[in-house]
Amino acid sequence: MYSVDINPADEDIVITGGGDDRAFLWHVSDPGAFVELAGHTDTVTKVAFSADGKLAATGGMDGLVKVWDVNSGALVTDLDGPDEIVVRAVSICVPLS
């Protein structure tokens, strides 16, 4: 696992990303309750929640930032760019207020 973030609106929900090209939304109180956020084709190096906890973003070395709806686990949009710049973009762009 390379990155973890705690949902600011619900501390029972965390997001993780790792070297297996996968990201997950987890419920701390029920580790068996998780949603895989599929679609990256390289290491997921950064994950983060929006300030209101409704959206989450994953950034990977595949050059993609994926934005997810936390309640449904559905993909909202993809942002495409150069690998290292995209990973930094998660840190800069995700804290939506």
PDB file of N, CA and C in Angstrom:
ATOM      1  N   MET A   1       0.845  -1.158   0.000  1.00  0.00           N
ATOM      2  CA  MET A   1       0.000   0.000   0.000  1.00  0.00           C
ATOM      3  C   MET A   1       0.899   1.233   0.000  1.00  0.00           C
ATOM      4  N   TYR A   2       0.581   2.177  -0.896  1.00  0.00           N
ATOM      5  CA  TYR A   2       1.375   3.390  -1.020  1.00  0.00           C
ATOM      6  C   TYR A   2       0.687   4.625  -0.466  1.00  0.00           C
ATOM      7  N   SER A   3      -0.626   4.616  -0.413  1.00  0.00           N
ATOM      8  CA  SER A   3      -1.336   5.821   0.013  1.00  0.00           C
ATOM      9  C   SER A   3      -2.640   5.452   0.716  1.00  0.00           C
ATOM     10  N   VAL A   4      -2.960   6.222   1.756  1.00  0.00           N
ATOM     11  CA  VAL A   4      -4.184   6.026   2.535  1.00  0.00           C
ATOM     12  C   VAL A   4      -4.745   7.400   2.882  1.00  0.00           C
ATOM     13  N   ASP A   5      -6.056   7.520   2.881  1.00  0.00           N
ATOM     14  CA  ASP A   5      -6.696   8.746   3.358  1.00  0.00           C
ATOM     15  C   ASP A   5      -7.970   8.362   4.095  1.00  0.00           C
ATOM     16  N   ILE A   6      -8.336   9.172   5.079  1.00  0.00           N
ATOM     17  CA  ILE A   6      -9.545   8.976   5.876  1.00  0.00           C
ATOM     18  C   ILE A   6     -10.576   9.998   5.425  1.00  0.00           C
ATOM     19  N   ASN A   7     -11.804   9.534   5.224  1.00  0.00           N
ATOM     20  CA  ASN A   7     -12.875  10.419   4.794  1.00  0.00           C
ATOM     21  C   ASN A   7     -13.140  11.462   5.879  1.00  0.00           C
ATOM     22  N   PRO A   8     -13.052  12.755   5.547  1.00  0.00           N
ATOM     23  CA  PRO A   8     -13.261  13.791   6.565  1.00  0.00           C
ATOM     24  C   PRO A   8     -14.702  13.880   7.054  1.00  0.00           C
ATOM     25  N   ALA A   9     -15.650  13.353   6.291  1.00  0.00           N
ATOM     26  CA  ALA A   9     -17.055  13.400   6.684  1.00  0.00           C
ATOM     27  C   ALA A   9     -17.504  12.143   7.420  1.00  0.00           C
ATOM     28  N   ASP A  10     -16.732  11.061   7.289  1.00  0.00           N
ATOM     29  CA  ASP A  10     -17.083   9.787   7.918  1.00  0.00           C
ATOM     30  C   ASP A  10     -15.807   8.994   8.152  1.00  0.00           C
ATOM     31  N   GLU A  11     -15.279   9.052   9.358  1.00  0.00           N
ATOM     32  CA  GLU A  11     -14.003   8.422   9.665  1.00  0.00           C
ATOM     33  C   GLU A  11     -14.037   6.901   9.600  1.00  0.00           C
ATOM     34  N   ASP A  12     -15.196   6.318   9.351  1.00  0.00           N
ATOM     35  CA  ASP A  12     -15.299   4.877   9.163  1.00  0.00           C
ATOM     36  C   ASP A  12     -14.894   4.465   7.748  1.00  0.00           C
ATOM     37  N   ILE A  13     -14.784   5.440   6.839  1.00  0.00           N
ATOM     38  CA  ILE A  13     -14.454   5.143   5.445  1.00  0.00           C
ATOM     39  C   ILE A  13     -13.032   5.602   5.147  1.00  0.00           C
ATOM     40  N   VAL A  14     -12.231   4.682   4.599  1.00  0.00           N
ATOM     41  CA  VAL A  14     -10.876   5.015   4.172  1.00  0.00           C
ATOM     42  C   VAL A  14     -10.694   4.596   2.717  1.00  0.00           C
ATOM     43  N   ILE A  15      -9.719   5.203   2.070  1.00  0.00           N
ATOM     44  CA  ILE A  15      -9.357   4.840   0.706  1.00  0.00           C
ATOM     45  C   ILE A  15      -7.878   4.473   0.709  1.00  0.00           C
ATOM     46  N   THR A  16      -7.538   3.436  -0.052  1.00  0.00           N
ATOM     47  CA  THR A  16      -6.147   2.996  -0.147  1.00  0.00           C
ATOM     48  C   THR A  16      -5.775   2.786  -1.614  1.00  0.00           C
ATOM     49  N   GLY A  17      -4.489   2.929  -1.894  1.00  0.00           N
ATOM     50  CA  GLY A  17      -3.968   2.656  -3.228  1.00  0.00           C
ATOM     51  C   GLY A  17      -2.608   2.011  -3.112  1.00  0.00           C
ATOM     52  N   GLY A  18      -2.263   1.149  -4.082  1.00  0.00           N
ATOM     53  CA  GLY A  18      -1.001   0.436  -3.950  1.00  0.00           C
ATOM     54  C   GLY A  18      -0.352   0.002  -5.237  1.00  0.00           C
ATOM     55  N   GLY A  19       0.718  -0.751  -5.054  1.00  0.00           N
ATOM     56  CA  GLY A  19       1.549  -1.217  -6.152  1.00  0.00           C
ATOM     57  C   GLY A  19       0.919  -2.299  -6.997  1.00  0.00           C
ATOM     58  N   ASP A  20      -0.239  -2.793  -6.580  1.00  0.00           N
ATOM     59  CA  ASP A  20      -0.937  -3.814  -7.366  1.00  0.00           C
ATOM     60  C   ASP A  20      -1.886  -3.194  -8.388  1.00  0.00           C
ATOM     61  N   ASP A  21      -1.746  -1.887  -8.616  1.00  0.00           N
ATOM     62  CA  ASP A  21      -2.557  -1.135  -9.591  1.00  0.00           C
ATOM     63  C   ASP A  21      -4.010  -0.983  -9.161  1.00  0.00           C
ATOM     64  N   ARG A  22      -4.278  -1.161  -7.868  1.00  0.00           N
ATOM     65  CA  ARG A  22      -5.669  -1.142  -7.398  1.00  0.00           C
ATOM     66  C   ARG A  22      -5.859  -0.132  -6.272  1.00  0.00           C
ATOM     67  N   ALA A  23      -7.079   0.361  -6.177  1.00  0.00           N
ATOM     68  CA  ALA A  23      -7.487   1.232  -5.077  1.00  0.00           C
ATOM     69  C   ALA A  23      -8.779   0.669  -4.500  1.00  0.00           C
ATOM     70  N   PHE A  24      -8.992   0.931  -3.217  1.00  0.00           N
ATOM     71  CA  PHE A  24     -10.172   0.410  -2.537  1.00  0.00           C
ATOM     72  C   PHE A  24     -10.754   1.444  -1.590  1.00  0.00           C
ATOM     73  N   LEU A  25     -12.080   1.430  -1.455  1.00  0.00           N
ATOM     74  CA  LEU A  25     -12.788   2.116  -0.377  1.00  0.00           C
ATOM     75  C   LEU A  25     -13.118   1.054   0.660  1.00  0.00           C
ATOM     76  N   TRP A  26     -12.787   1.327   1.925  1.00  0.00           N
ATOM     77  CA  TRP A  26     -12.982   0.370   3.020  1.00  0.00           C
ATOM     78  C   TRP A  26     -13.834   0.984   4.116  1.00  0.00           C
ATOM     79  N   HIS A  27     -14.565   0.114   4.824  1.00  0.00           N
ATOM     80  CA  HIS A  27     -15.234   0.504   6.065  1.00  0.00           C
ATOM     81  C   HIS A  27     -14.412  -0.071   7.205  1.00  0.00           C
ATOM     82  N   VAL A  28     -13.870   0.799   8.032  1.00  0.00           N
ATOM     83  CA  VAL A  28     -13.009   0.376   9.134  1.00  0.00           C
ATOM     84  C   VAL A  28     -13.745  -0.582  10.064  1.00  0.00           C
ATOM     85  N   SER A  29     -15.008  -0.308  10.322  1.00  0.00           N
ATOM     86  CA  SER A  29     -15.783  -1.136  11.247  1.00  0.00           C
ATOM     87  C   SER A  29     -16.137  -2.504  10.667  1.00  0.00           C
ATOM     88  N   ASP A  30     -16.019  -2.662   9.357  1.00  0.00           N
ATOM     89  CA  ASP A  30     -16.323  -3.937   8.695  1.00  0.00           C
ATOM     90  C   ASP A  30     -15.331  -4.149   7.558  1.00  0.00           C
ATOM     91  N   PRO A  31     -14.136  -4.674   7.846  1.00  0.00           N
ATOM     92  CA  PRO A  31     -13.095  -4.825   6.821  1.00  0.00           C
ATOM     93  C   PRO A  31     -13.521  -5.663   5.618  1.00  0.00           C
ATOM     94  N   GLY A  32     -14.558  -6.453   5.766  1.00  0.00           N
ATOM     95  CA  GLY A  32     -15.054  -7.235   4.637  1.00  0.00           C
ATOM     96  C   GLY A  32     -15.899  -6.417   3.683  1.00  0.00           C
ATOM     97  N   ALA A  33     -16.286  -5.227   4.119  1.00  0.00           N
ATOM     98  CA  ALA A  33     -17.107  -4.343   3.282  1.00  0.00           C
ATOM     99  C   ALA A  33     -16.186  -3.360   2.566  1.00  0.00           C
ATOM    100  N   PHE A  34     -15.859  -3.667   1.320  1.00  0.00           N
ATOM    101  CA  PHE A  34     -14.982  -2.787   0.559  1.00  0.00           C
ATOM    102  C   PHE A  34     -15.458  -2.739  -0.883  1.00  0.00           C
ATOM    103  N   VAL A  35     -15.031  -1.698  -1.579  1.00  0.00           N
ATOM    104  CA  VAL A  35     -15.333  -1.533  -2.996  1.00  0.00           C
ATOM    105  C   VAL A  35     -14.010  -1.325  -3.716  1.00  0.00           C
ATOM    106  N   GLU A  36     -13.749  -2.136  -4.740  1.00  0.00           N
ATOM    107  CA  GLU A  36     -12.558  -1.910  -5.548  1.00  0.00           C
ATOM    108  C   GLU A  36     -12.829  -0.804  -6.556  1.00  0.00           C
ATOM    109  N   LEU A  37     -11.923   0.145  -6.618  1.00  0.00           N
ATOM    110  CA  LEU A  37     -12.001   1.233  -7.589  1.00  0.00           C
ATOM    111  C   LEU A  37     -11.069   0.839  -8.742  1.00  0.00           C
ATOM    112  N   ALA A  38     -11.627   0.136  -9.696  1.00  0.00           N
ATOM    113  CA  ALA A  38     -10.832  -0.495 -10.756  1.00  0.00           C
ATOM    114  C   ALA A  38     -10.601   0.441 -11.927  1.00  0.00           C
ATOM    115  N   GLY A  39      -9.495   0.192 -12.617  1.00  0.00           N
ATOM    116  CA  GLY A  39      -9.263   0.912 -13.858  1.00  0.00           C
ATOM    117  C   GLY A  39      -7.847   1.411 -14.054  1.00  0.00           C
ATOM    118  N   HIS A  40      -7.054   1.514 -13.002  1.00  0.00           N
ATOM    119  CA  HIS A  40      -5.660   1.914 -13.189  1.00  0.00           C
ATOM    120  C   HIS A  40      -4.883   0.745 -13.783  1.00  0.00           C
ATOM    121  N   THR A  41      -3.871   1.078 -14.580  1.00  0.00           N
ATOM    122  CA  THR A  41      -3.041   0.049 -15.198  1.00  0.00           C
ATOM    123  C   THR A  41      -1.600   0.098 -14.706  1.00  0.00           C
ATOM    124  N   ASP A  42      -1.356   0.911 -13.691  1.00  0.00           N
ATOM    125  CA  ASP A  42      -0.040   0.987 -13.057  1.00  0.00           C
ATOM    126  C   ASP A  42      -0.256   1.414 -11.609  1.00  0.00           C
ATOM    127  N   THR A  43       0.793   1.413 -10.829  1.00  0.00           N
ATOM    128  CA  THR A  43       0.758   1.679  -9.403  1.00  0.00           C
ATOM    129  C   THR A  43      -0.086   2.902  -9.044  1.00  0.00           C
ATOM    130  N   VAL A  44      -0.970   2.741  -8.060  1.00  0.00           N
ATOM    131  CA  VAL A  44      -1.763   3.847  -7.529  1.00  0.00           C
ATOM    132  C   VAL A  44      -0.955   4.450  -6.377  1.00  0.00           C
ATOM    133  N   THR A  45      -0.392   5.628  -6.618  1.00  0.00           N
ATOM    134  CA  THR A  45       0.548   6.210  -5.662  1.00  0.00           C
ATOM    135  C   THR A  45      -0.052   7.282  -4.776  1.00  0.00           C
ATOM    136  N   LYS A  46      -1.258   7.750  -5.089  1.00  0.00           N
ATOM    137  CA  LYS A  46      -1.872   8.808  -4.286  1.00  0.00           C
ATOM    138  C   LYS A  46      -3.377   8.656  -4.288  1.00  0.00           C
ATOM    139  N   VAL A  47      -3.968   8.779  -3.111  1.00  0.00           N
ATOM    140  CA  VAL A  47      -5.429   8.775  -2.970  1.00  0.00           C
ATOM    141  C   VAL A  47      -5.813   9.912  -2.037  1.00  0.00           C
ATOM    142  N   ALA A  48      -7.014  10.464  -2.227  1.00  0.00           N
ATOM    143  CA  ALA A  48      -7.469  11.549  -1.360  1.00  0.00           C
ATOM    144  C   ALA A  48      -8.976  11.725  -1.491  1.00  0.00           C
ATOM    145  N   PHE A  49      -9.573  12.218  -0.409  1.00  0.00           N
ATOM    146  CA  PHE A  49     -10.994  12.566  -0.397  1.00  0.00           C
ATOM    147  C   PHE A  49     -11.154  14.065  -0.608  1.00  0.00           C
ATOM    148  N   SER A  50     -12.298  14.450  -1.157  1.00  0.00           N
ATOM    149  CA  SER A  50     -12.652  15.863  -1.209  1.00  0.00           C
ATOM    150  C   SER A  50     -12.977  16.327   0.200  1.00  0.00           C
ATOM    151  N   ALA A  51     -12.997  17.618   0.421  1.00  0.00           N
ATOM    152  CA  ALA A  51     -13.237  18.184   1.747  1.00  0.00           C
ATOM    153  C   ALA A  51     -14.590  17.770   2.323  1.00  0.00           C
ATOM    154  N   ASP A  52     -15.587  17.589   1.457  1.00  0.00           N
ATOM    155  CA  ASP A  52     -16.913  17.190   1.938  1.00  0.00           C
ATOM    156  C   ASP A  52     -17.076  15.673   2.024  1.00  0.00           C
ATOM    157  N   GLY A  53     -16.059  14.916   1.598  1.00  0.00           N
ATOM    158  CA  GLY A  53     -16.087  13.460   1.692  1.00  0.00           C
ATOM    159  C   GLY A  53     -16.950  12.763   0.665  1.00  0.00           C
ATOM    160  N   LYS A  54     -17.524  13.493  -0.273  1.00  0.00           N
ATOM    161  CA  LYS A  54     -18.418  12.887  -1.261  1.00  0.00           C
ATOM    162  C   LYS A  54     -17.683  12.312  -2.469  1.00  0.00           C
ATOM    163  N   LEU A  55     -16.498  12.846  -2.736  1.00  0.00           N
ATOM    164  CA  LEU A  55     -15.694  12.379  -3.865  1.00  0.00           C
ATOM    165  C   LEU A  55     -14.345  11.901  -3.363  1.00  0.00           C
ATOM    166  N   ALA A  56     -13.746  11.008  -4.127  1.00  0.00           N
ATOM    167  CA  ALA A  56     -12.391  10.562  -3.845  1.00  0.00           C
ATOM    168  C   ALA A  56     -11.643  10.535  -5.163  1.00  0.00           C
ATOM    169  N   ALA A  57     -10.326  10.728  -5.088  1.00  0.00           N
ATOM    170  CA  ALA A  57      -9.511  10.674  -6.295  1.00  0.00           C
ATOM    171  C   ALA A  57      -8.371   9.698  -6.083  1.00  0.00           C
ATOM    172  N   THR A  58      -8.010   9.026  -7.173  1.00  0.00           N
ATOM    173  CA  THR A  58      -6.866   8.128  -7.175  1.00  0.00           C
ATOM    174  C   THR A  58      -5.940   8.574  -8.296  1.00  0.00           C
ATOM    175  N   GLY A  59      -4.650   8.627  -8.006  1.00  0.00           N
ATOM    176  CA  GLY A  59      -3.664   9.001  -9.010  1.00  0.00           C
ATOM    177  C   GLY A  59      -2.677   7.879  -9.197  1.00  0.00           C
ATOM    178  N   GLY A  60      -2.406   7.545 -10.448  1.00  0.00           N
ATOM    179  CA  GLY A  60      -1.523   6.428 -10.710  1.00  0.00           C
ATOM    180  C   GLY A  60      -0.388   6.766 -11.651  1.00  0.00           C
ATOM    181  N   MET A  61       0.602   5.892 -11.647  1.00  0.00           N
ATOM    182  CA  MET A  61       1.732   6.044 -12.546  1.00  0.00           C
ATOM    183  C   MET A  61       1.352   5.751 -13.992  1.00  0.00           C
ATOM    184  N   ASP A  62       0.093   5.407 -14.227  1.00  0.00           N
ATOM    185  CA  ASP A  62      -0.411   5.248 -15.589  1.00  0.00           C
ATOM    186  C   ASP A  62      -0.779   6.595 -16.202  1.00  0.00           C
ATOM    187  N   GLY A  63      -0.585   7.676 -15.450  1.00  0.00           N
ATOM    188  CA  GLY A  63      -0.884   9.011 -15.957  1.00  0.00           C
ATOM    189  C   GLY A  63      -2.321   9.426 -15.797  1.00  0.00           C
ATOM    190  N   LEU A  64      -3.081   8.711 -14.969  1.00  0.00           N
ATOM    191  CA  LEU A  64      -4.500   9.023 -14.792  1.00  0.00           C
ATOM    192  C   LEU A  64      -4.808   9.451 -13.363  1.00  0.00           C
ATOM    193  N   VAL A  65      -5.705  10.414 -13.245  1.00  0.00           N
ATOM    194  CA  VAL A  65      -6.396  10.687 -11.997  1.00  0.00           C
ATOM    195  C   VAL A  65      -7.833  10.280 -12.247  1.00  0.00           C
ATOM    196  N   LYS A  66      -8.347   9.438 -11.389  1.00  0.00           N
ATOM    197  CA  LYS A  66      -9.739   9.002 -11.489  1.00  0.00           C
ATOM    198  C   LYS A  66     -10.494   9.583 -10.307  1.00  0.00           C
ATOM    199  N   VAL A  67     -11.649  10.161 -10.573  1.00  0.00           N
ATOM    200  CA  VAL A  67     -12.497  10.737  -9.535  1.00  0.00           C
ATOM    201  C   VAL A  67     -13.708   9.834  -9.367  1.00  0.00           C
ATOM    202  N   TRP A  68     -13.983   9.486  -8.104  1.00  0.00           N
ATOM    203  CA  TRP A  68     -15.000   8.495  -7.769  1.00  0.00           C
ATOM    204  C   TRP A  68     -16.067   9.084  -6.861  1.00  0.00           C
ATOM    205  N   ASP A  69     -17.293   8.606  -7.015  1.00  0.00           N
ATOM    206  CA  ASP A  69     -18.375   8.906  -6.079  1.00  0.00           C
ATOM    207  C   ASP A  69     -18.226   7.952  -4.903  1.00  0.00           C
ATOM    208  N   VAL A  70     -18.079   8.491  -3.703  1.00  0.00           N
ATOM    209  CA  VAL A  70     -17.812   7.653  -2.531  1.00  0.00           C
ATOM    210  C   VAL A  70     -19.005   6.771  -2.180  1.00  0.00           C
ATOM    211  N   ASN A  71     -20.223   7.284  -2.285  1.00  0.00           N
ATOM    212  CA  ASN A  71     -21.405   6.496  -1.907  1.00  0.00           C
ATOM    213  C   ASN A  71     -21.612   5.280  -2.797  1.00  0.00           C
ATOM    214  N   SER A  72     -21.410   5.436  -4.091  1.00  0.00           N
ATOM    215  CA  SER A  72     -21.695   4.338  -5.019  1.00  0.00           C
ATOM    216  C   SER A  72     -20.441   3.603  -5.492  1.00  0.00           C
ATOM    217  N   GLY A  73     -19.281   4.238  -5.382  1.00  0.00           N
ATOM    218  CA  GLY A  73     -18.059   3.662  -5.933  1.00  0.00           C
ATOM    219  C   GLY A  73     -17.956   3.833  -7.436  1.00  0.00           C
ATOM    220  N   ALA A  74     -18.876   4.609  -8.016  1.00  0.00           N
ATOM    221  CA  ALA A  74     -18.897   4.806  -9.468  1.00  0.00           C
ATOM    222  C   ALA A  74     -17.839   5.821  -9.896  1.00  0.00           C
ATOM    223  N   LEU A  75     -17.265   5.590 -11.062  1.00  0.00           N
ATOM    224  CA  LEU A  75     -16.315   6.519 -11.642  1.00  0.00           C
ATOM    225  C   LEU A  75     -17.059   7.757 -12.124  1.00  0.00           C
ATOM    226  N   VAL A  76     -16.591   8.921 -11.700  1.00  0.00           N
ATOM    227  CA  VAL A  76     -17.198  10.186 -12.112  1.00  0.00           C
ATOM    228  C   VAL A  76     -16.504  10.715 -13.359  1.00  0.00           C
ATOM    229  N   THR A  77     -15.168  10.710 -13.354  1.00  0.00           N
ATOM    230  CA  THR A  77     -14.419  11.200 -14.507  1.00  0.00           C
ATOM    231  C   THR A  77     -12.970  10.741 -14.438  1.00  0.00           C
ATOM    232  N   ASP A  78     -12.314  10.754 -15.587  1.00  0.00           N
ATOM    233  CA  ASP A  78     -10.880  10.496 -15.706  1.00  0.00           C
ATOM    234  C   ASP A  78     -10.190  11.790 -16.115  1.00  0.00           C
ATOM    235  N   LEU A  79      -9.047  12.056 -15.529  1.00  0.00           N
ATOM    236  CA  LEU A  79      -8.187  13.153 -15.953  1.00  0.00           C
ATOM    237  C   LEU A  79      -6.893  12.511 -16.431  1.00  0.00           C
ATOM    238  N   ASP A  80      -6.439  12.883 -17.610  1.00  0.00           N
ATOM    239  CA  ASP A  80      -5.276  12.246 -18.212  1.00  0.00           C
ATOM    240  C   ASP A  80      -4.135  13.246 -18.301  1.00  0.00           C
ATOM    241  N   GLY A  81      -2.935  12.783 -18.027  1.00  0.00           N
ATOM    242  CA  GLY A  81      -1.780  13.667 -18.118  1.00  0.00           C
ATOM    243  C   GLY A  81      -0.496  12.902 -17.939  1.00  0.00           C
ATOM    244  N   PRO A  82       0.626  13.608 -17.959  1.00  0.00           N
ATOM    245  CA  PRO A  82       1.912  12.944 -17.725  1.00  0.00           C
ATOM    246  C   PRO A  82       1.965  12.322 -16.337  1.00  0.00           C
ATOM    247  N   ASP A  83       2.596  11.174 -16.225  1.00  0.00           N
ATOM    248  CA  ASP A  83       2.603  10.368 -15.008  1.00  0.00           C
ATOM    249  C   ASP A  83       2.836  11.156 -13.719  1.00  0.00           C
ATOM    250  N   GLU A  84       3.987  11.752 -13.544  1.00  0.00           N
ATOM    251  CA  GLU A  84       4.329  12.383 -12.284  1.00  0.00           C
ATOM    252  C   GLU A  84       3.481  13.614 -12.011  1.00  0.00           C
ATOM    253  N   ILE A  85       3.117  14.346 -13.046  1.00  0.00           N
ATOM    254  CA  ILE A  85       2.284  15.536 -12.863  1.00  0.00           C
ATOM    255  C   ILE A  85       0.909  15.139 -12.368  1.00  0.00           C
ATOM    256  N   VAL A  86       0.346  14.056 -12.905  1.00  0.00           N
ATOM    257  CA  VAL A  86      -0.978  13.612 -12.493  1.00  0.00           C
ATOM    258  C   VAL A  86      -0.989  13.219 -11.022  1.00  0.00           C
ATOM    259  N   VAL A  87       0.025  12.514 -10.570  1.00  0.00           N
ATOM    260  CA  VAL A  87       0.077  12.103  -9.169  1.00  0.00           C
ATOM    261  C   VAL A  87       0.104  13.332  -8.262  1.00  0.00           C
ATOM    262  N   ARG A  88       0.846  14.343  -8.627  1.00  0.00           N
ATOM    263  CA  ARG A  88       0.870  15.583  -7.842  1.00  0.00           C
ATOM    264  C   ARG A  88      -0.469  16.295  -7.900  1.00  0.00           C
ATOM    265  N   ALA A  89      -1.182  16.163  -9.017  1.00  0.00           N
ATOM    266  CA  ALA A  89      -2.474  16.841  -9.186  1.00  0.00           C
ATOM    267  C   ALA A  89      -3.489  16.347  -8.160  1.00  0.00           C
ATOM    268  N   VAL A  90      -3.424  15.093  -7.751  1.00  0.00           N
ATOM    269  CA  VAL A  90      -4.353  14.603  -6.745  1.00  0.00           C
ATOM    270  C   VAL A  90      -4.172  15.417  -5.479  1.00  0.00           C
ATOM    271  N   SER A  91      -2.959  15.660  -5.063  1.00  0.00           N
ATOM    272  CA  SER A  91      -2.684  16.425  -3.849  1.00  0.00           C
ATOM    273  C   SER A  91      -3.194  17.852  -3.963  1.00  0.00           C
ATOM    274  N   ILE A  92      -3.058  18.429  -5.129  1.00  0.00           N
ATOM    275  CA  ILE A  92      -3.424  19.831  -5.304  1.00  0.00           C
ATOM    276  C   ILE A  92      -4.921  20.004  -5.546  1.00  0.00           C
ATOM    277  N   CYS A  93      -5.513  19.132  -6.351  1.00  0.00           N
ATOM    278  CA  CYS A  93      -6.881  19.334  -6.829  1.00  0.00           C
ATOM    279  C   CYS A  93      -7.958  18.713  -5.972  1.00  0.00           C
ATOM    280  N   VAL A  94      -7.662  17.656  -5.280  1.00  0.00           N
ATOM    281  CA  VAL A  94      -8.730  16.928  -4.599  1.00  0.00           C
ATOM    282  C   VAL A  94      -9.355  17.689  -3.456  1.00  0.00           C
ATOM    283  N   PRO A  95      -8.605  18.400  -2.626  1.00  0.00           N
ATOM    284  CA  PRO A  95      -9.273  19.093  -1.531  1.00  0.00           C
ATOM    285  C   PRO A  95     -10.280  20.110  -2.034  1.00  0.00           C
ATOM    286  N   LEU A  96     -11.404  19.628  -2.523  1.00  0.00           N
ATOM    287  CA  LEU A  96     -12.479  20.490  -3.008  1.00  0.00           C
ATOM    288  C   LEU A  96     -13.268  21.022  -1.826  1.00  0.00           C
ATOM    289  N   SER A  97     -13.517  22.295  -1.832  1.00  0.00           N
ATOM    290  CA  SER A  97     -14.280  22.845  -0.698  1.00  0.00           C
ATOM    291  C   SER A  97     -15.663  23.256  -1.115  1.00  0.00           C
TER     292      SER A  97
END
